[in-house]
């Protein structure tokens, strides 16, 4: 490429730099105004506590399970074997040598601590983030499957499939997600758990009812996106493929859907980003996703500003990563 052409590509008009400076000045003013407001209400920032909500070192106690006496303590390197002798049985406990808090001859009761050690554990922020990601991935997978079948049914000539899909889409899109979560958890969940309890099975984890509600909600919107993508392809291509001897299913699989996929990726990305944010409603059914975890931290620590700002940044990271992934898929599909 000609060097002159390259230099022209990177040249910007003067107004571009003026508006760029204005953009950064605007955000600097917003940050200063926010900080000034916190000073006025005498808010004390405690950012040093935030890392502990992601990862922390916890003290774990090794406790006795029987009544008895510490008969022997054998130390082998960094490990110690504590033998507790009871009236009818003897038990051995392995613990770090430096964490011993009993001696030979001590009387022990069930629940008494024999030794302690420190180990890293995930904080509540990290637990909430992982659950949010897990719920979002599962709901996305099931939502795509439901949406593809729903979209194909919407363009089908079979009245059973078409009318059923239309009814499903209109019911789901016409009611709030919060109401649907309540129905899945308190109505359907209660009935399902009562039925399976009669067969000696335990209750289903609330997380799966949350996934079911998000999947059905997302599937309805994906079905409309898929329908619009299919109908955007000229019908003449269907007729051409049928004239070549393809069945309707083969025509959809090899001709229509690959082209429709390129057109529906941007709206699908927006729908899945909304799904990640909609997962914040699952806290009402005792699922400790990111928003519920943040509320628990705020309740205990009263670090309102820090916690909600961190929560917003974590959601931003997840949604931005998803957006970049979809953009990568768009580039890949455009090249093929």
C-alpha atoms as a PDB file:
ATOM      1  CA  UNK A   1       0.000   0.000   0.000  1.00  0.00           C
ATOM      2  CA  UNK A   2       1.232   3.489  -0.867  1.00  0.00           C
ATOM      3  CA  UNK A   3       2.750   5.333   2.178  1.00  0.00           C
ATOM      4  CA  UNK A   4       0.687   8.410   1.304  1.00  0.00           C
ATOM      5  CA  UNK A   5      -2.515   6.360   1.492  1.00  0.00           C
ATOM      6  CA  UNK A   6      -1.461   4.948   4.888  1.00  0.00           C
ATOM      7  CA  UNK A   7      -0.709   8.399   6.297  1.00  0.00           C
ATOM      8  CA  UNK A   8      -4.074   9.711   5.090  1.00  0.00           C
ATOM      9  CA  UNK A   9      -5.853   6.800   6.812  1.00  0.00           C
ATOM     10  CA  UNK A  10      -4.408   7.810  10.183  1.00  0.00           C
ATOM     11  CA  UNK A  11      -5.004  11.523   9.723  1.00  0.00           C
ATOM     12  CA  UNK A  12      -7.921  12.914  11.721  1.00  0.00           C
ATOM     13  CA  UNK A  13      -9.662  16.287  11.376  1.00  0.00           C
ATOM     14  CA  UNK A  14      -9.123  18.842  14.111  1.00  0.00           C
ATOM     15  CA  UNK A  15     -12.663  18.461  15.377  1.00  0.00           C
ATOM     16  CA  UNK A  16     -11.960  14.796  16.166  1.00  0.00           C
ATOM     17  CA  UNK A  17      -9.287  15.679  18.727  1.00  0.00           C
ATOM     18  CA  UNK A  18     -11.465  18.457  20.157  1.00  0.00           C
ATOM     19  CA  UNK A  19     -14.340  16.056  20.825  1.00  0.00           C
ATOM     20  CA  UNK A  20     -11.946  13.373  22.117  1.00  0.00           C
ATOM     21  CA  UNK A  21     -10.559  15.800  24.703  1.00  0.00           C
ATOM     22  CA  UNK A  22     -14.113  16.843  25.581  1.00  0.00           C
ATOM     23  CA  UNK A  23     -15.034  13.184  26.159  1.00  0.00           C
ATOM     24  CA  UNK A  24     -12.199  12.604  28.633  1.00  0.00           C
ATOM     25  CA  UNK A  25     -12.804  15.931  30.399  1.00  0.00           C
ATOM     26  CA  UNK A  26     -16.469  15.045  30.806  1.00  0.00           C
ATOM     27  CA  UNK A  27     -15.663  11.755  32.515  1.00  0.00           C
ATOM     28  CA  UNK A  28     -13.043  13.375  34.714  1.00  0.00           C
ATOM     29  CA  UNK A  29     -15.659  15.907  35.847  1.00  0.00           C
ATOM     30  CA  UNK A  30     -18.156  13.102  36.562  1.00  0.00           C
ATOM     31  CA  UNK A  31     -15.589  11.236  38.699  1.00  0.00           C
ATOM     32  CA  UNK A  32     -14.642  14.406  40.590  1.00  0.00           C
ATOM     33  CA  UNK A  33     -18.319  15.225  41.199  1.00  0.00           C
ATOM     34  CA  UNK A  34     -18.957  11.700  42.488  1.00  0.00           C
ATOM     35  CA  UNK A  35     -15.978  11.896  44.833  1.00  0.00           C
ATOM     36  CA  UNK A  36     -17.043  15.344  46.073  1.00  0.00           C
ATOM     37  CA  UNK A  37     -20.528  13.965  46.804  1.00  0.00           C
ATOM     38  CA  UNK A  38     -19.069  11.128  48.915  1.00  0.00           C
ATOM     39  CA  UNK A  39     -16.954  13.634  50.840  1.00  0.00           C
ATOM     40  CA  UNK A  40     -20.026  15.737  51.560  1.00  0.00           C
ATOM     41  CA  UNK A  41     -21.916  12.769  53.047  1.00  0.00           C
ATOM     42  CA  UNK A  42     -18.772  11.810  55.020  1.00  0.00           C
ATOM     43  CA  UNK A  43     -18.510   8.353  53.453  1.00  0.00           C
ATOM     44  CA  UNK A  44     -15.429   6.362  54.468  1.00  0.00           C
ATOM     45  CA  UNK A  45     -13.922   4.359  51.622  1.00  0.00           C
ATOM     46  CA  UNK A  46     -12.609   0.888  52.590  1.00  0.00           C
ATOM     47  CA  UNK A  47     -11.237  -0.570  49.381  1.00  0.00           C
ATOM     48  CA  UNK A  48      -8.674  -2.603  51.346  1.00  0.00           C
ATOM     49  CA  UNK A  49     -11.417  -5.037  52.395  1.00  0.00           C
ATOM     50  CA  UNK A  50     -12.596  -5.792  48.847  1.00  0.00           C
ATOM     51  CA  UNK A  51      -9.858  -8.367  47.934  1.00  0.00           C
ATOM     52  CA  UNK A  52     -10.956 -10.503  50.895  1.00  0.00           C
ATOM     53  CA  UNK A  53     -14.368 -10.928  49.273  1.00  0.00           C
ATOM     54  CA  UNK A  54     -12.695 -12.632  46.306  1.00  0.00           C
ATOM     55  CA  UNK A  55     -10.135 -14.851  48.045  1.00  0.00           C
ATOM     56  CA  UNK A  56      -9.185 -15.224  51.687  1.00  0.00           C
ATOM     57  CA  UNK A  57      -7.336 -17.510  54.078  1.00  0.00           C
ATOM     58  CA  UNK A  58      -9.597 -19.300  56.508  1.00  0.00           C
ATOM     59  CA  UNK A  59      -8.736 -21.151  59.718  1.00  0.00           C
ATOM     60  CA  UNK A  60     -10.012 -24.734  59.563  1.00  0.00           C
ATOM     61  CA  UNK A  61     -10.250 -26.858  62.715  1.00  0.00           C
ATOM     62  CA  UNK A  62      -9.804 -30.635  62.853  1.00  0.00           C
ATOM     63  CA  UNK A  63     -12.290 -31.871  65.454  1.00  0.00           C
ATOM     64  CA  UNK A  64     -12.689 -35.115  67.364  1.00  0.00           C
ATOM     65  CA  UNK A  65     -15.657 -37.361  66.717  1.00  0.00           C
ATOM     66  CA  UNK A  66     -15.519 -39.539  69.851  1.00  0.00           C
ATOM     67  CA  UNK A  67     -15.119 -39.255  73.621  1.00  0.00           C
ATOM     68  CA  UNK A  68     -11.701 -40.290  74.843  1.00  0.00           C
ATOM     69  CA  UNK A  69      -8.140 -39.340  75.623  1.00  0.00           C
ATOM     70  CA  UNK A  70      -5.229 -38.304  73.410  1.00  0.00           C
ATOM     71  CA  UNK A  71      -3.166 -41.479  73.608  1.00  0.00           C
ATOM     72  CA  UNK A  72      -0.245 -40.579  71.332  1.00  0.00           C
ATOM     73  CA  UNK A  73       0.897 -37.805  69.003  1.00  0.00           C
ATOM     74  CA  UNK A  74       3.299 -38.996  66.283  1.00  0.00           C
ATOM     75  CA  UNK A  75       5.093 -36.241  64.375  1.00  0.00           C
ATOM     76  CA  UNK A  76       6.497 -37.128  60.953  1.00  0.00           C
ATOM     77  CA  UNK A  77       7.989 -34.091  59.249  1.00  0.00           C
ATOM     78  CA  UNK A  78       5.276 -31.451  58.848  1.00  0.00           C
ATOM     79  CA  UNK A  79       2.468 -33.907  59.630  1.00  0.00           C
ATOM     80  CA  UNK A  80       1.227 -35.168  62.970  1.00  0.00           C
ATOM     81  CA  UNK A  81      -0.954 -38.201  63.668  1.00  0.00           C
ATOM     82  CA  UNK A  82      -3.180 -37.783  66.716  1.00  0.00           C
ATOM     83  CA  UNK A  83      -4.563 -40.998  68.207  1.00  0.00           C
ATOM     84  CA  UNK A  84      -7.654 -40.608  70.361  1.00  0.00           C
ATOM     85  CA  UNK A  85      -8.580 -43.661  72.429  1.00  0.00           C
ATOM     86  CA  UNK A  86     -12.185 -44.022  73.582  1.00  0.00           C
ATOM     87  CA  UNK A  87     -13.953 -46.630  75.671  1.00  0.00           C
ATOM     88  CA  UNK A  88     -14.728 -48.916  72.729  1.00  0.00           C
ATOM     89  CA  UNK A  89     -12.826 -47.488  69.774  1.00  0.00           C
ATOM     90  CA  UNK A  90      -9.693 -45.655  68.666  1.00  0.00           C
ATOM     91  CA  UNK A  91      -9.410 -43.063  65.926  1.00  0.00           C
ATOM     92  CA  UNK A  92      -6.423 -41.414  64.203  1.00  0.00           C
ATOM     93  CA  UNK A  93      -6.457 -37.832  62.929  1.00  0.00           C
ATOM     94  CA  UNK A  94      -3.834 -36.380  60.573  1.00  0.00           C
ATOM     95  CA  UNK A  95      -3.046 -32.696  61.014  1.00  0.00           C
ATOM     96  CA  UNK A  96      -0.244 -30.157  60.393  1.00  0.00           C
ATOM     97  CA  UNK A  97       2.376 -30.423  63.155  1.00  0.00           C
ATOM     98  CA  UNK A  98       2.536 -26.659  63.652  1.00  0.00           C
ATOM     99  CA  UNK A  99      -1.229 -26.441  64.193  1.00  0.00           C
ATOM    100  CA  UNK A 100      -1.506 -28.820  67.165  1.00  0.00           C
ATOM    101  CA  UNK A 101      -3.539 -27.525  70.091  1.00  0.00           C
ATOM    102  CA  UNK A 102      -3.704 -30.723  72.211  1.00  0.00           C
ATOM    103  CA  UNK A 103      -1.156 -32.773  74.094  1.00  0.00           C
ATOM    104  CA  UNK A 104      -0.885 -36.412  75.064  1.00  0.00           C
ATOM    105  CA  UNK A 105      -3.179 -37.223  77.953  1.00  0.00           C
ATOM    106  CA  UNK A 106      -5.766 -34.508  77.209  1.00  0.00           C
ATOM    107  CA  UNK A 107      -9.395 -35.557  77.600  1.00  0.00           C
ATOM    108  CA  UNK A 108     -11.415 -35.090  74.414  1.00  0.00           C
ATOM    109  CA  UNK A 109     -15.151 -34.768  73.713  1.00  0.00           C
ATOM    110  CA  UNK A 110     -16.896 -34.878  70.326  1.00  0.00           C
ATOM    111  CA  UNK A 111     -16.456 -31.540  68.538  1.00  0.00           C
ATOM    112  CA  UNK A 112     -13.302 -30.509  70.433  1.00  0.00           C
ATOM    113  CA  UNK A 113     -10.562 -29.044  68.227  1.00  0.00           C
ATOM    114  CA  UNK A 114      -7.401 -31.125  67.916  1.00  0.00           C
ATOM    115  CA  UNK A 115      -5.477 -28.915  65.481  1.00  0.00           C
ATOM    116  CA  UNK A 116      -5.986 -26.052  63.069  1.00  0.00           C
ATOM    117  CA  UNK A 117      -4.608 -25.128  59.671  1.00  0.00           C
ATOM    118  CA  UNK A 118      -5.025 -22.293  57.188  1.00  0.00           C
ATOM    119  CA  UNK A 119      -6.298 -22.714  53.626  1.00  0.00           C
ATOM    120  CA  UNK A 120      -7.367 -20.443  50.795  1.00  0.00           C
ATOM    121  CA  UNK A 121     -11.103 -20.199  50.133  1.00  0.00           C
ATOM    122  CA  UNK A 122     -13.200 -18.417  47.547  1.00  0.00           C
ATOM    123  CA  UNK A 123     -14.833 -15.237  48.789  1.00  0.00           C
ATOM    124  CA  UNK A 124     -18.501 -14.443  48.360  1.00  0.00           C
ATOM    125  CA  UNK A 125     -17.858 -12.167  45.357  1.00  0.00           C
ATOM    126  CA  UNK A 126     -16.078 -14.968  43.499  1.00  0.00           C
ATOM    127  CA  UNK A 127     -18.762 -17.505  44.442  1.00  0.00           C
ATOM    128  CA  UNK A 128     -21.487 -15.180  43.159  1.00  0.00           C
ATOM    129  CA  UNK A 129     -19.576 -14.468  39.941  1.00  0.00           C
ATOM    130  CA  UNK A 130     -19.030 -18.179  39.235  1.00  0.00           C
ATOM    131  CA  UNK A 131     -22.707 -18.965  39.835  1.00  0.00           C
ATOM    132  CA  UNK A 132     -23.730 -16.096  37.532  1.00  0.00           C
ATOM    133  CA  UNK A 133     -21.427 -17.420  34.798  1.00  0.00           C
ATOM    134  CA  UNK A 134     -22.665 -20.984  35.307  1.00  0.00           C
ATOM    135  CA  UNK A 135     -26.331 -19.971  35.154  1.00  0.00           C
ATOM    136  CA  UNK A 136     -25.723 -17.763  32.114  1.00  0.00           C
ATOM    137  CA  UNK A 137     -23.883 -20.471  30.168  1.00  0.00           C
ATOM    138  CA  UNK A 138     -26.504 -23.133  30.894  1.00  0.00           C
ATOM    139  CA  UNK A 139     -29.383 -20.766  30.121  1.00  0.00           C
ATOM    140  CA  UNK A 140     -27.691 -19.663  26.898  1.00  0.00           C
ATOM    141  CA  UNK A 141     -27.258 -23.250  25.688  1.00  0.00           C
ATOM    142  CA  UNK A 142     -30.837 -24.263  26.480  1.00  0.00           C
ATOM    143  CA  UNK A 143     -32.162 -20.924  25.231  1.00  0.00           C
ATOM    144  CA  UNK A 144     -30.445 -21.415  21.858  1.00  0.00           C
ATOM    145  CA  UNK A 145     -31.872 -24.920  21.498  1.00  0.00           C
ATOM    146  CA  UNK A 146     -35.381 -23.758  22.424  1.00  0.00           C
ATOM    147  CA  UNK A 147     -35.074 -20.713  20.167  1.00  0.00           C
ATOM    148  CA  UNK A 148     -33.911 -22.678  17.117  1.00  0.00           C
ATOM    149  CA  UNK A 149     -36.763 -25.179  17.383  1.00  0.00           C
ATOM    150  CA  UNK A 150     -39.206 -22.360  18.178  1.00  0.00           C
ATOM    151  CA  UNK A 151     -38.019 -20.294  15.209  1.00  0.00           C
ATOM    152  CA  UNK A 152     -38.279 -23.234  12.815  1.00  0.00           C
ATOM    153  CA  UNK A 153     -41.740 -23.999  14.155  1.00  0.00           C
ATOM    154  CA  UNK A 154     -42.780 -20.373  13.597  1.00  0.00           C
ATOM    155  CA  UNK A 155     -42.090 -20.646   9.854  1.00  0.00           C
ATOM    156  CA  UNK A 156     -43.521 -24.163   9.574  1.00  0.00           C
ATOM    157  CA  UNK A 157     -46.708 -24.854   7.631  1.00  0.00           C
ATOM    158  CA  UNK A 158     -47.782 -27.417  10.228  1.00  0.00           C
ATOM    159  CA  UNK A 159     -50.492 -25.706  12.348  1.00  0.00           C
ATOM    160  CA  UNK A 160     -49.589 -27.708  15.475  1.00  0.00           C
ATOM    161  CA  UNK A 161     -45.986 -26.525  15.440  1.00  0.00           C
ATOM    162  CA  UNK A 162     -46.721 -22.988  14.228  1.00  0.00           C
ATOM    163  CA  UNK A 163     -49.591 -22.249  16.605  1.00  0.00           C
ATOM    164  CA  UNK A 164     -47.815 -23.856  19.591  1.00  0.00           C
ATOM    165  CA  UNK A 165     -44.680 -21.817  18.933  1.00  0.00           C
ATOM    166  CA  UNK A 166     -46.695 -18.620  18.469  1.00  0.00           C
ATOM    167  CA  UNK A 167     -48.571 -19.192  21.727  1.00  0.00           C
ATOM    168  CA  UNK A 168     -45.313 -19.898  23.580  1.00  0.00           C
ATOM    169  CA  UNK A 169     -43.597 -16.782  22.228  1.00  0.00           C
ATOM    170  CA  UNK A 170     -46.520 -14.486  22.982  1.00  0.00           C
ATOM    171  CA  UNK A 171     -47.049 -15.868  26.511  1.00  0.00           C
ATOM    172  CA  UNK A 172     -43.390 -15.599  27.483  1.00  0.00           C
ATOM    173  CA  UNK A 173     -42.736 -12.206  25.905  1.00  0.00           C
ATOM    174  CA  UNK A 174     -45.988 -10.836  27.292  1.00  0.00           C
ATOM    175  CA  UNK A 175     -45.222 -11.549  30.958  1.00  0.00           C
ATOM    176  CA  UNK A 176     -42.428 -10.221  33.221  1.00  0.00           C
ATOM    177  CA  UNK A 177     -39.412 -12.436  33.855  1.00  0.00           C
ATOM    178  CA  UNK A 178     -39.846 -11.968  37.607  1.00  0.00           C
ATOM    179  CA  UNK A 179     -43.331 -13.506  37.429  1.00  0.00           C
ATOM    180  CA  UNK A 180     -41.986 -16.414  35.389  1.00  0.00           C
ATOM    181  CA  UNK A 181     -39.270 -17.069  37.980  1.00  0.00           C
ATOM    182  CA  UNK A 182     -41.927 -17.178  40.709  1.00  0.00           C
ATOM    183  CA  UNK A 183     -44.030 -19.613  38.658  1.00  0.00           C
ATOM    184  CA  UNK A 184     -41.091 -21.902  37.952  1.00  0.00           C
ATOM    185  CA  UNK A 185     -39.862 -21.959  41.554  1.00  0.00           C
ATOM    186  CA  UNK A 186     -42.970 -21.691  43.743  1.00  0.00           C
ATOM    187  CA  UNK A 187     -45.583 -23.343  41.486  1.00  0.00           C
ATOM    188  CA  UNK A 188     -43.888 -25.807  39.147  1.00  0.00           C
ATOM    189  CA  UNK A 189     -40.957 -26.377  41.500  1.00  0.00           C
ATOM    190  CA  UNK A 190     -43.221 -27.242  44.423  1.00  0.00           C
ATOM    191  CA  UNK A 191     -45.247 -29.712  42.346  1.00  0.00           C
ATOM    192  CA  UNK A 192     -42.161 -31.352  40.824  1.00  0.00           C
ATOM    193  CA  UNK A 193     -40.435 -31.735  44.197  1.00  0.00           C
ATOM    194  CA  UNK A 194     -43.578 -33.208  45.759  1.00  0.00           C
ATOM    195  CA  UNK A 195     -43.913 -35.733  42.929  1.00  0.00           C
ATOM    196  CA  UNK A 196     -40.292 -36.889  42.983  1.00  0.00           C
ATOM    197  CA  UNK A 197     -40.313 -37.063  46.813  1.00  0.00           C
ATOM    198  CA  UNK A 198     -42.939 -39.812  46.524  1.00  0.00           C
ATOM    199  CA  UNK A 199     -40.298 -41.889  44.705  1.00  0.00           C
ATOM    200  CA  UNK A 200     -37.715 -41.319  47.443  1.00  0.00           C
ATOM    201  CA  UNK A 201     -35.732 -38.670  45.537  1.00  0.00           C
ATOM    202  CA  UNK A 202     -34.425 -35.438  47.003  1.00  0.00           C
ATOM    203  CA  UNK A 203     -35.588 -31.963  45.924  1.00  0.00           C
ATOM    204  CA  UNK A 204     -34.140 -30.347  42.815  1.00  0.00           C
ATOM    205  CA  UNK A 205     -31.677 -27.538  43.464  1.00  0.00           C
ATOM    206  CA  UNK A 206     -33.226 -24.046  43.022  1.00  0.00           C
ATOM    207  CA  UNK A 207     -30.457 -23.248  40.529  1.00  0.00           C
ATOM    208  CA  UNK A 208     -32.096 -25.518  37.951  1.00  0.00           C
ATOM    209  CA  UNK A 209     -35.430 -23.748  38.299  1.00  0.00           C
ATOM    210  CA  UNK A 210     -33.572 -20.497  37.739  1.00  0.00           C
ATOM    211  CA  UNK A 211     -31.930 -21.943  34.622  1.00  0.00           C
ATOM    212  CA  UNK A 212     -35.319 -23.203  33.400  1.00  0.00           C
ATOM    213  CA  UNK A 213     -36.966 -19.794  33.818  1.00  0.00           C
ATOM    214  CA  UNK A 214     -34.127 -17.939  32.078  1.00  0.00           C
ATOM    215  CA  UNK A 215     -33.942 -20.540  29.286  1.00  0.00           C
ATOM    216  CA  UNK A 216     -37.648 -20.391  28.469  1.00  0.00           C
ATOM    217  CA  UNK A 217     -37.593 -16.585  28.654  1.00  0.00           C
ATOM    218  CA  UNK A 218     -34.548 -16.282  26.387  1.00  0.00           C
ATOM    219  CA  UNK A 219     -35.786 -19.028  24.054  1.00  0.00           C
ATOM    220  CA  UNK A 220     -38.887 -17.001  23.184  1.00  0.00           C
ATOM    221  CA  UNK A 221     -36.803 -14.014  22.063  1.00  0.00           C
ATOM    222  CA  UNK A 222     -34.287 -16.216  20.258  1.00  0.00           C
ATOM    223  CA  UNK A 223     -37.190 -17.903  18.425  1.00  0.00           C
ATOM    224  CA  UNK A 224     -38.314 -14.528  17.055  1.00  0.00           C
ATOM    225  CA  UNK A 225     -34.735 -13.639  16.099  1.00  0.00           C
ATOM    226  CA  UNK A 226     -34.336 -16.971  14.285  1.00  0.00           C
ATOM    227  CA  UNK A 227     -37.708 -16.540  12.551  1.00  0.00           C
ATOM    228  CA  UNK A 228     -36.749 -13.069  11.338  1.00  0.00           C
ATOM    229  CA  UNK A 229     -33.366 -14.357  10.148  1.00  0.00           C
ATOM    230  CA  UNK A 230     -34.935 -17.221   8.204  1.00  0.00           C
ATOM    231  CA  UNK A 231     -37.559 -15.009   6.605  1.00  0.00           C
ATOM    232  CA  UNK A 232     -34.909 -12.466   5.597  1.00  0.00           C
ATOM    233  CA  UNK A 233     -33.462 -15.037   3.179  1.00  0.00           C
ATOM    234  CA  UNK A 234     -35.173 -14.844  -0.205  1.00  0.00           C
ATOM    235  CA  UNK A 235     -37.694 -17.636  -0.657  1.00  0.00           C
ATOM    236  CA  UNK A 236     -36.286 -18.271  -4.120  1.00  0.00           C
ATOM    237  CA  UNK A 237     -33.309 -20.007  -2.506  1.00  0.00           C
ATOM    238  CA  UNK A 238     -35.643 -22.496  -0.862  1.00  0.00           C
ATOM    239  CA  UNK A 239     -37.330 -23.176  -4.179  1.00  0.00           C
ATOM    240  CA  UNK A 240     -33.953 -23.561  -5.913  1.00  0.00           C
ATOM    241  CA  UNK A 241     -32.719 -26.057  -3.317  1.00  0.00           C
ATOM    242  CA  UNK A 242     -35.970 -28.025  -3.528  1.00  0.00           C
ATOM    243  CA  UNK A 243     -35.637 -28.151  -7.324  1.00  0.00           C
ATOM    244  CA  UNK A 244     -32.225 -29.757  -6.836  1.00  0.00           C
ATOM    245  CA  UNK A 245     -33.854 -32.597  -4.910  1.00  0.00           C
ATOM    246  CA  UNK A 246     -33.226 -31.402  -1.351  1.00  0.00           C
ATOM    247  CA  UNK A 247     -35.829 -32.008   1.322  1.00  0.00           C
ATOM    248  CA  UNK A 248     -37.187 -29.106   3.367  1.00  0.00           C
ATOM    249  CA  UNK A 249     -34.948 -30.098   6.300  1.00  0.00           C
ATOM    250  CA  UNK A 250     -31.847 -30.297   4.078  1.00  0.00           C
ATOM    251  CA  UNK A 251     -32.687 -26.932   2.550  1.00  0.00           C
ATOM    252  CA  UNK A 252     -32.923 -25.365   6.001  1.00  0.00           C
ATOM    253  CA  UNK A 253     -29.750 -27.030   7.256  1.00  0.00           C
ATOM    254  CA  UNK A 254     -27.429 -26.412   4.304  1.00  0.00           C
ATOM    255  CA  UNK A 255     -28.841 -23.322   2.589  1.00  0.00           C
ATOM    256  CA  UNK A 256     -31.040 -21.135   4.786  1.00  0.00           C
ATOM    257  CA  UNK A 257     -29.730 -21.470   8.365  1.00  0.00           C
ATOM    258  CA  UNK A 258     -26.023 -20.817   7.541  1.00  0.00           C
ATOM    259  CA  UNK A 259     -26.988 -17.545   5.848  1.00  0.00           C
ATOM    260  CA  UNK A 260     -29.478 -16.615   8.545  1.00  0.00           C
ATOM    261  CA  UNK A 261     -26.846 -17.211  11.236  1.00  0.00           C
ATOM    262  CA  UNK A 262     -24.678 -14.404   9.868  1.00  0.00           C
ATOM    263  CA  UNK A 263     -27.599 -11.989  10.101  1.00  0.00           C
ATOM    264  CA  UNK A 264     -28.863 -12.964  13.556  1.00  0.00           C
ATOM    265  CA  UNK A 265     -25.534 -12.970  15.419  1.00  0.00           C
ATOM    266  CA  UNK A 266     -25.689  -9.256  16.442  1.00  0.00           C
ATOM    267  CA  UNK A 267     -29.228  -9.435  17.910  1.00  0.00           C
ATOM    268  CA  UNK A 268     -28.354 -12.779  19.538  1.00  0.00           C
ATOM    269  CA  UNK A 269     -25.375 -11.132  21.231  1.00  0.00           C
ATOM    270  CA  UNK A 270     -27.623  -8.420  22.628  1.00  0.00           C
ATOM    271  CA  UNK A 271     -30.074 -11.021  23.898  1.00  0.00           C
ATOM    272  CA  UNK A 272     -27.386 -13.055  25.666  1.00  0.00           C
ATOM    273  CA  UNK A 273     -25.884  -9.946  27.243  1.00  0.00           C
ATOM    274  CA  UNK A 274     -29.342  -9.143  28.580  1.00  0.00           C
ATOM    275  CA  UNK A 275     -29.538 -12.718  29.866  1.00  0.00           C
ATOM    276  CA  UNK A 276     -26.417 -12.225  31.993  1.00  0.00           C
ATOM    277  CA  UNK A 277     -27.965  -9.131  33.558  1.00  0.00           C
ATOM    278  CA  UNK A 278     -31.385 -10.776  33.944  1.00  0.00           C
ATOM    279  CA  UNK A 279     -29.744 -13.515  36.032  1.00  0.00           C
ATOM    280  CA  UNK A 280     -29.574 -10.923  38.844  1.00  0.00           C
ATOM    281  CA  UNK A 281     -33.278 -11.611  39.481  1.00  0.00           C
ATOM    282  CA  UNK A 282     -32.533 -15.165  40.612  1.00  0.00           C
ATOM    283  CA  UNK A 283     -31.524 -13.889  44.033  1.00  0.00           C
ATOM    284  CA  UNK A 284     -35.211 -13.852  44.991  1.00  0.00           C
ATOM    285  CA  UNK A 285     -35.272 -17.685  44.945  1.00  0.00           C
ATOM    286  CA  UNK A 286     -32.207 -18.110  47.171  1.00  0.00           C
ATOM    287  CA  UNK A 287     -29.640 -18.472  44.380  1.00  0.00           C
ATOM    288  CA  UNK A 288     -26.495 -16.675  45.473  1.00  0.00           C
ATOM    289  CA  UNK A 289     -25.601 -15.112  42.151  1.00  0.00           C
ATOM    290  CA  UNK A 290     -23.530 -11.950  41.916  1.00  0.00           C
ATOM    291  CA  UNK A 291     -26.233  -9.424  42.852  1.00  0.00           C
ATOM    292  CA  UNK A 292     -27.449 -11.423  45.860  1.00  0.00           C
ATOM    293  CA  UNK A 293     -23.842 -11.933  46.984  1.00  0.00           C
ATOM    294  CA  UNK A 294     -23.299  -8.171  46.767  1.00  0.00           C
ATOM    295  CA  UNK A 295     -26.416  -7.487  48.842  1.00  0.00           C
ATOM    296  CA  UNK A 296     -25.160  -9.887  51.519  1.00  0.00           C
ATOM    297  CA  UNK A 297     -21.774  -8.142  51.653  1.00  0.00           C
ATOM    298  CA  UNK A 298     -23.387  -4.695  51.868  1.00  0.00           C
ATOM    299  CA  UNK A 299     -25.664  -5.875  54.683  1.00  0.00           C
ATOM    300  CA  UNK A 300     -22.734  -7.132  56.754  1.00  0.00           C
ATOM    301  CA  UNK A 301     -20.016  -4.577  55.939  1.00  0.00           C
ATOM    302  CA  UNK A 302     -22.055  -1.453  55.021  1.00  0.00           C
ATOM    303  CA  UNK A 303     -19.606  -0.856  52.150  1.00  0.00           C
ATOM    304  CA  UNK A 304     -22.351   0.286  49.809  1.00  0.00           C
ATOM    305  CA  UNK A 305     -20.411   2.238  47.200  1.00  0.00           C
ATOM    306  CA  UNK A 306     -17.402  -0.075  46.935  1.00  0.00           C
ATOM    307  CA  UNK A 307     -19.453  -3.274  46.684  1.00  0.00           C
ATOM    308  CA  UNK A 308     -21.930  -2.063  44.085  1.00  0.00           C
ATOM    309  CA  UNK A 309     -19.173  -0.511  41.998  1.00  0.00           C
ATOM    310  CA  UNK A 310     -17.266  -3.811  42.045  1.00  0.00           C
ATOM    311  CA  UNK A 311     -20.483  -5.664  41.190  1.00  0.00           C
ATOM    312  CA  UNK A 312     -21.064  -3.391  38.188  1.00  0.00           C
ATOM    313  CA  UNK A 313     -17.472  -3.872  36.988  1.00  0.00           C
ATOM    314  CA  UNK A 314     -17.779  -7.676  37.240  1.00  0.00           C
ATOM    315  CA  UNK A 315     -20.971  -7.645  35.157  1.00  0.00           C
ATOM    316  CA  UNK A 316     -19.220  -5.368  32.673  1.00  0.00           C
ATOM    317  CA  UNK A 317     -16.282  -7.776  32.371  1.00  0.00           C
ATOM    318  CA  UNK A 318     -18.573 -10.752  31.711  1.00  0.00           C
ATOM    319  CA  UNK A 319     -20.768  -8.948  29.172  1.00  0.00           C
ATOM    320  CA  UNK A 320     -17.771  -7.350  27.431  1.00  0.00           C
ATOM    321  CA  UNK A 321     -16.072 -10.752  27.088  1.00  0.00           C
ATOM    322  CA  UNK A 322     -19.283 -12.176  25.611  1.00  0.00           C
ATOM    323  CA  UNK A 323     -19.553  -9.243  23.211  1.00  0.00           C
ATOM    324  CA  UNK A 324     -15.950  -9.747  22.026  1.00  0.00           C
ATOM    325  CA  UNK A 325     -16.588 -13.469  21.538  1.00  0.00           C
ATOM    326  CA  UNK A 326     -19.650 -12.811  19.383  1.00  0.00           C
ATOM    327  CA  UNK A 327     -17.732 -10.236  17.332  1.00  0.00           C
ATOM    328  CA  UNK A 328     -15.066 -12.890  16.754  1.00  0.00           C
ATOM    329  CA  UNK A 329     -17.763 -15.290  15.536  1.00  0.00           C
ATOM    330  CA  UNK A 330     -19.112 -12.595  13.219  1.00  0.00           C
ATOM    331  CA  UNK A 331     -15.687 -12.124  11.635  1.00  0.00           C
ATOM    332  CA  UNK A 332     -15.280 -15.890  11.267  1.00  0.00           C
ATOM    333  CA  UNK A 333     -18.658 -16.303   9.575  1.00  0.00           C
ATOM    334  CA  UNK A 334     -17.954 -13.407   7.214  1.00  0.00           C
ATOM    335  CA  UNK A 335     -14.717 -15.048   6.101  1.00  0.00           C
ATOM    336  CA  UNK A 336     -16.343 -18.413   5.350  1.00  0.00           C
END
